[in-house]
Amino acid sequence: MAARIDRMTISDFVVAIPARFDASRLPGKPLRPLGGEPLVLHVARRALAAGAREVWVAADDERIVQALDGCGVQVALTSKAHASGTDRLAECADIAGWDDDTLVVNLQGDEPFAPAAGIEAVAATLAASGAPMSTLAAVIDDAGDLFDPNVVKLVRGADGHALYFSRAPVPWPRDAFARDRARLPEGGHWLRHIGIYGYRAGFLRRFAQMQPGRLEQIEALEQLRALEAGHRIAVALTPEPFPPGVDTPEDLARAERHLQESRNG
């Protein structure tokens, strides 16, 4: 049975936000304006709203540090050489001095509308499960999403732990799809992975030192490194929808419209 989440008692966790200035598809992404303010500032506010005891931004550029001055979060200036946000957070864990049992939520730096309840749920799932890592998922109800390789699917066991992550449509309903692949059969068997993670700080440090596994290299999904090495990842359904993140100029324009609509009521 999946671990129960008690959102009323989980508060002893930290949020860490990796922020890389030279994003390949949107250079300078953390400082791109959204509603007249840097994108990373919106993400930081979402983390603060989740009730974490500490919020850190793991930055690679002094300009990001300056943009966050006075907003209530702490900033770690990390190496520009890190290959992934996870590596950047491992350095942040050392700078912050977190002990190995600290619950760390990795909130991506391009999620300006991440719901506070979802951030807290990742920490609560991690605490309740005893697993070294946690994440969230949402039900897929559209066949187009199931077949889209940019939508990462996951399969979880009866105990609430991930069995596999894939860009392929899994599980495959053999008989139903033999008849019709344009719509999903009833049953709600499909989950979309939401790219937010919880780690125990000691495991975060170890994970950053692990070599990418064969499955990770095939699927280009970093979380498979943990599964292939035999580590558990606890999965909970998100309590609130996660709006799409910001990866491209088009995403940023969409986010701007979304922000203005929400401000206008």
Protein backbone atom coordinates (compact mmCIF):
# COMPACT_ATOMS: atom_id res chain seq x y z
CA MET A 1 0.00 0.00 0.00
CA ALA A 2 1.26 3.48 -0.82
CA ALA A 3 2.45 5.51 2.15
CA ARG A 4 -0.09 7.90 3.65
CA ILE A 5 0.71 11.60 3.30
CA ASP A 6 -0.08 13.85 6.26
CA ARG A 7 0.17 17.38 4.90
CA MET A 8 -0.63 18.82 8.31
CA THR A 9 2.62 17.66 9.96
CA ILE A 10 5.35 17.85 7.30
CA SER A 11 7.30 21.06 7.65
CA ASP A 12 10.87 19.99 8.32
CA PHE A 13 12.12 20.07 4.76
CA VAL A 14 14.11 22.35 2.50
CA VAL A 15 13.55 23.36 -1.12
CA ALA A 16 16.48 23.73 -3.49
CA ILE A 17 16.11 25.31 -6.92
CA PRO A 18 18.83 24.76 -9.56
CA ALA A 19 19.22 27.85 -11.75
CA ARG A 20 21.55 27.68 -14.75
CA PHE A 21 22.03 30.93 -16.63
CA ASP A 22 23.01 29.51 -20.02
CA ALA A 23 20.03 27.27 -20.72
CA SER A 24 20.38 25.88 -24.23
CA ARG A 25 16.86 26.61 -25.48
CA LEU A 26 16.35 29.86 -23.58
CA PRO A 27 19.66 31.59 -22.77
CA GLY A 28 19.55 33.65 -19.59
CA LYS A 29 16.36 31.83 -18.59
CA PRO A 30 16.45 32.48 -14.81
CA LEU A 31 16.50 36.24 -15.43
CA ARG A 32 14.01 36.38 -18.29
CA PRO A 33 11.19 38.74 -17.27
CA LEU A 34 7.81 37.31 -16.36
CA GLY A 35 5.31 39.91 -15.25
CA GLY A 36 8.18 42.38 -15.03
CA GLU A 37 10.22 40.22 -12.62
CA PRO A 38 12.89 37.53 -13.14
CA LEU A 39 11.52 34.05 -13.79
CA VAL A 40 13.57 32.55 -10.95
CA LEU A 41 11.99 34.97 -8.47
CA HIS A 42 8.55 33.56 -9.25
CA VAL A 43 9.85 30.03 -8.65
CA ALA A 44 11.43 31.09 -5.36
CA ARG A 45 8.11 32.50 -4.18
CA ARG A 46 6.35 29.23 -4.95
CA ALA A 47 8.90 27.43 -2.80
CA LEU A 48 8.48 29.92 0.05
CA ALA A 49 4.71 29.40 -0.07
CA ALA A 50 5.16 25.65 0.52
CA GLY A 51 6.29 26.16 4.11
CA ALA A 52 9.84 24.81 3.87
CA ARG A 53 12.19 25.65 6.71
CA GLU A 54 14.76 26.85 4.14
CA VAL A 55 14.66 27.74 0.46
CA TRP A 56 17.90 27.79 -1.52
CA VAL A 57 18.65 28.67 -5.12
CA ALA A 58 21.70 26.89 -6.52
CA ALA A 59 22.92 29.43 -9.10
CA ASP A 60 25.84 29.43 -11.50
CA ASP A 61 26.02 33.18 -12.16
CA GLU A 62 26.44 36.22 -9.94
CA ARG A 63 23.62 37.98 -11.80
CA ILE A 64 21.17 35.41 -10.44
CA VAL A 65 22.49 36.02 -6.93
CA GLN A 66 21.89 39.75 -7.33
CA ALA A 67 18.39 39.26 -8.73
CA LEU A 68 17.34 37.33 -5.61
CA ASP A 69 18.79 39.75 -3.08
CA GLY A 70 16.30 40.50 -0.33
CA CYS A 71 13.56 38.08 -1.47
CA GLY A 72 13.83 35.73 1.51
CA VAL A 73 15.76 32.84 -0.03
CA GLN A 74 19.39 31.85 0.33
CA VAL A 75 21.62 31.51 -2.71
CA ALA A 76 24.56 29.18 -3.28
CA LEU A 77 26.92 30.17 -6.09
CA THR A 78 27.85 26.80 -7.56
CA SER A 79 30.22 25.65 -10.30
CA LYS A 80 29.40 26.34 -13.94
CA ALA A 81 30.74 22.89 -14.83
CA HIS A 82 27.87 20.79 -13.50
CA ALA A 83 26.26 18.51 -16.07
CA SER A 84 22.82 18.51 -14.41
CA GLY A 85 20.69 20.28 -11.87
CA THR A 86 21.06 17.30 -9.55
CA ASP A 87 24.83 17.74 -9.53
CA ARG A 88 24.34 21.43 -8.77
CA LEU A 89 22.07 20.61 -5.84
CA ALA A 90 24.60 18.14 -4.43
CA GLU A 91 27.10 21.00 -4.23
CA CYS A 92 24.40 23.21 -2.71
CA ALA A 93 23.81 20.55 -0.02
CA ASP A 94 27.46 20.81 0.99
CA ILE A 95 27.43 24.62 0.96
CA ALA A 96 24.24 24.67 3.05
CA GLY A 97 25.62 22.06 5.44
CA TRP A 98 22.58 19.78 5.40
CA ASP A 99 22.97 16.52 7.30
CA ASP A 100 22.30 13.26 5.48
CA ASP A 101 18.72 12.95 6.80
CA THR A 102 17.57 16.38 5.59
CA LEU A 103 14.57 16.16 3.25
CA VAL A 104 15.38 18.12 0.11
CA VAL A 105 12.80 19.00 -2.55
CA ASN A 106 14.30 19.70 -5.97
CA LEU A 107 12.02 22.29 -7.60
CA GLN A 108 13.08 23.02 -11.17
CA GLY A 109 14.03 26.63 -11.83
CA ASP A 110 11.56 26.93 -14.71
CA GLU A 111 8.36 26.16 -12.74
CA PRO A 112 6.90 29.60 -11.93
CA PHE A 113 3.43 28.21 -11.20
CA ALA A 114 4.30 25.08 -9.22
CA PRO A 115 1.55 24.62 -6.60
CA ALA A 116 2.70 24.88 -3.00
CA ALA A 117 0.64 21.80 -2.13
CA GLY A 118 2.55 19.77 -4.71
CA ILE A 119 5.93 20.88 -3.37
CA GLU A 120 4.89 19.91 0.14
CA ALA A 121 3.49 16.58 -1.08
CA VAL A 122 6.90 15.56 -2.43
CA ALA A 123 8.45 16.12 0.99
CA ALA A 124 5.59 14.36 2.77
CA THR A 125 5.85 11.36 0.45
CA LEU A 126 9.57 11.12 1.08
CA ALA A 127 9.11 11.31 4.85
CA ALA A 128 6.27 8.78 4.98
CA SER A 129 7.79 6.20 2.65
CA GLY A 130 11.28 5.82 4.04
CA ALA A 131 12.56 5.74 0.44
CA PRO A 132 15.67 7.76 -0.46
CA MET A 133 13.82 9.57 -3.26
CA SER A 134 10.26 10.68 -4.11
CA THR A 135 8.34 12.29 -6.94
CA LEU A 136 4.82 13.06 -8.21
CA ALA A 137 2.59 11.87 -11.01
CA ALA A 138 -0.73 12.81 -12.62
CA VAL A 139 -3.28 10.65 -14.38
CA ILE A 140 -3.10 10.62 -18.19
CA ASP A 141 -6.52 10.89 -19.78
CA ASP A 142 -5.56 11.70 -23.37
CA ALA A 143 -4.15 9.22 -25.90
CA GLY A 144 -2.07 11.96 -27.50
CA ASP A 145 -0.18 12.46 -24.23
CA LEU A 146 0.39 8.75 -23.84
CA PHE A 147 2.05 8.54 -27.27
CA ASP A 148 4.02 11.80 -26.92
CA PRO A 149 7.69 10.98 -26.15
CA ASN A 150 8.07 14.37 -24.46
CA VAL A 151 5.50 13.28 -21.87
CA VAL A 152 7.33 10.95 -19.50
CA LYS A 153 5.24 8.03 -18.30
CA LEU A 154 5.73 6.04 -15.12
CA VAL A 155 4.49 2.76 -13.75
CA ARG A 156 4.25 2.28 -10.00
CA GLY A 157 3.69 -0.80 -7.89
CA ALA A 158 1.04 -1.50 -5.27
CA ASP A 159 3.45 -0.22 -2.61
CA GLY A 160 3.53 3.24 -4.23
CA HIS A 161 7.09 2.93 -5.52
CA ALA A 162 8.10 3.47 -9.13
CA LEU A 163 8.67 0.39 -11.25
CA TYR A 164 9.80 2.21 -14.38
CA PHE A 165 9.85 5.56 -16.20
CA SER A 166 9.65 5.74 -19.97
CA ARG A 167 9.02 7.97 -22.94
CA ALA A 168 7.10 5.05 -24.45
CA PRO A 169 3.39 4.42 -23.78
CA VAL A 170 3.49 2.09 -20.76
CA PRO A 171 1.77 -0.03 -19.69
CA TRP A 172 0.63 -1.19 -23.14
CA PRO A 173 -3.03 -2.29 -23.24
CA ARG A 174 -2.52 -5.07 -25.79
CA ASP A 175 -6.10 -5.95 -26.67
CA ALA A 176 -7.54 -2.43 -26.51
CA PHE A 177 -4.80 -0.90 -28.68
CA ALA A 178 -5.08 -3.75 -31.15
CA ARG A 179 -8.54 -2.40 -31.85
CA ASP A 180 -8.09 1.37 -31.46
CA ARG A 181 -5.14 3.58 -30.51
CA ALA A 182 -6.97 6.88 -30.90
CA ARG A 183 -8.47 6.79 -27.42
CA LEU A 184 -7.62 5.36 -24.04
CA PRO A 185 -9.56 2.39 -22.70
CA GLU A 186 -11.26 2.85 -19.37
CA GLY A 187 -9.38 2.11 -16.19
CA GLY A 188 -6.92 4.98 -15.65
CA HIS A 189 -3.79 2.85 -15.84
CA TRP A 190 -1.47 5.60 -17.12
CA LEU A 191 0.52 8.15 -15.19
CA ARG A 192 2.44 11.20 -16.37
CA HIS A 193 5.58 11.94 -14.43
CA ILE A 194 5.90 15.43 -12.95
CA GLY A 195 9.55 16.47 -12.81
CA ILE A 196 9.83 17.41 -9.15
CA TYR A 197 11.87 15.26 -6.77
CA GLY A 198 12.51 14.75 -3.10
CA TYR A 199 15.82 13.37 -1.82
CA ARG A 200 17.34 12.60 1.50
CA ALA A 201 20.46 14.78 1.40
CA GLY A 202 22.81 11.86 1.90
CA PHE A 203 21.31 10.05 -1.07
CA LEU A 204 21.42 13.23 -3.15
CA ARG A 205 25.18 13.37 -2.60
CA ARG A 206 25.58 9.68 -3.49
CA PHE A 207 23.32 9.96 -6.53
CA ALA A 208 25.44 12.77 -7.97
CA GLN A 209 28.47 10.48 -7.75
CA MET A 210 26.81 7.51 -9.48
CA GLN A 211 27.59 6.83 -13.11
CA PRO A 212 24.65 7.01 -15.55
CA GLY A 213 23.18 3.58 -16.13
CA ARG A 214 22.31 1.90 -19.39
CA LEU A 215 18.58 2.61 -19.07
CA GLU A 216 19.18 6.28 -18.30
CA GLN A 217 21.30 6.60 -21.43
CA ILE A 218 18.69 4.84 -23.59
CA GLU A 219 15.68 6.86 -22.39
CA ALA A 220 17.55 10.08 -21.47
CA LEU A 221 15.83 10.03 -18.06
CA GLU A 222 18.09 10.67 -15.09
CA GLN A 223 15.75 9.09 -12.54
CA LEU A 224 16.31 5.68 -14.13
CA ARG A 225 19.84 5.79 -12.70
CA ALA A 226 18.36 5.30 -9.24
CA LEU A 227 16.01 2.47 -10.24
CA GLU A 228 18.65 0.58 -12.21
CA ALA A 229 20.95 0.75 -9.18
CA GLY A 230 18.22 -0.78 -6.99
CA HIS A 231 17.03 2.32 -5.12
CA ARG A 232 13.35 3.02 -4.42
CA ILE A 233 11.47 6.08 -5.63
CA ALA A 234 8.19 6.76 -3.81
CA VAL A 235 5.43 8.17 -6.03
CA ALA A 236 2.31 10.09 -5.03
CA LEU A 237 -0.43 11.58 -7.16
CA THR A 238 -0.15 15.35 -7.24
CA PRO A 239 -2.77 17.09 -5.09
CA GLU A 240 -3.01 19.95 -7.60
CA PRO A 241 -2.19 20.28 -11.32
CA PHE A 242 1.27 21.51 -12.30
CA PRO A 243 1.04 24.02 -15.17
CA PRO A 244 3.71 23.53 -17.88
CA GLY A 245 7.18 24.86 -17.16
CA VAL A 246 9.20 27.32 -19.25
CA ASP A 247 11.74 25.88 -21.70
CA THR A 248 11.36 28.01 -24.83
CA PRO A 249 10.44 31.59 -25.83
CA GLU A 250 6.99 30.28 -26.73
CA ASP A 251 6.61 28.80 -23.23
CA LEU A 252 7.59 32.14 -21.72
CA ALA A 253 4.96 33.95 -23.78
CA ARG A 254 2.35 31.41 -22.67
CA ALA A 255 3.42 31.87 -19.04
CA GLU A 256 3.07 35.63 -19.41
CA ARG A 257 -0.50 35.22 -20.66
CA HIS A 258 -1.28 32.81 -17.82
CA LEU A 259 0.10 35.24 -15.25
CA GLN A 260 -1.86 38.17 -16.62
CA GLU A 261 -5.08 36.14 -16.71
CA SER A 262 -4.60 35.07 -13.09
CA ARG A 263 -3.92 38.68 -12.02
CA ASN A 264 -7.02 39.86 -13.83
CA GLY A 265 -9.13 37.32 -12.01
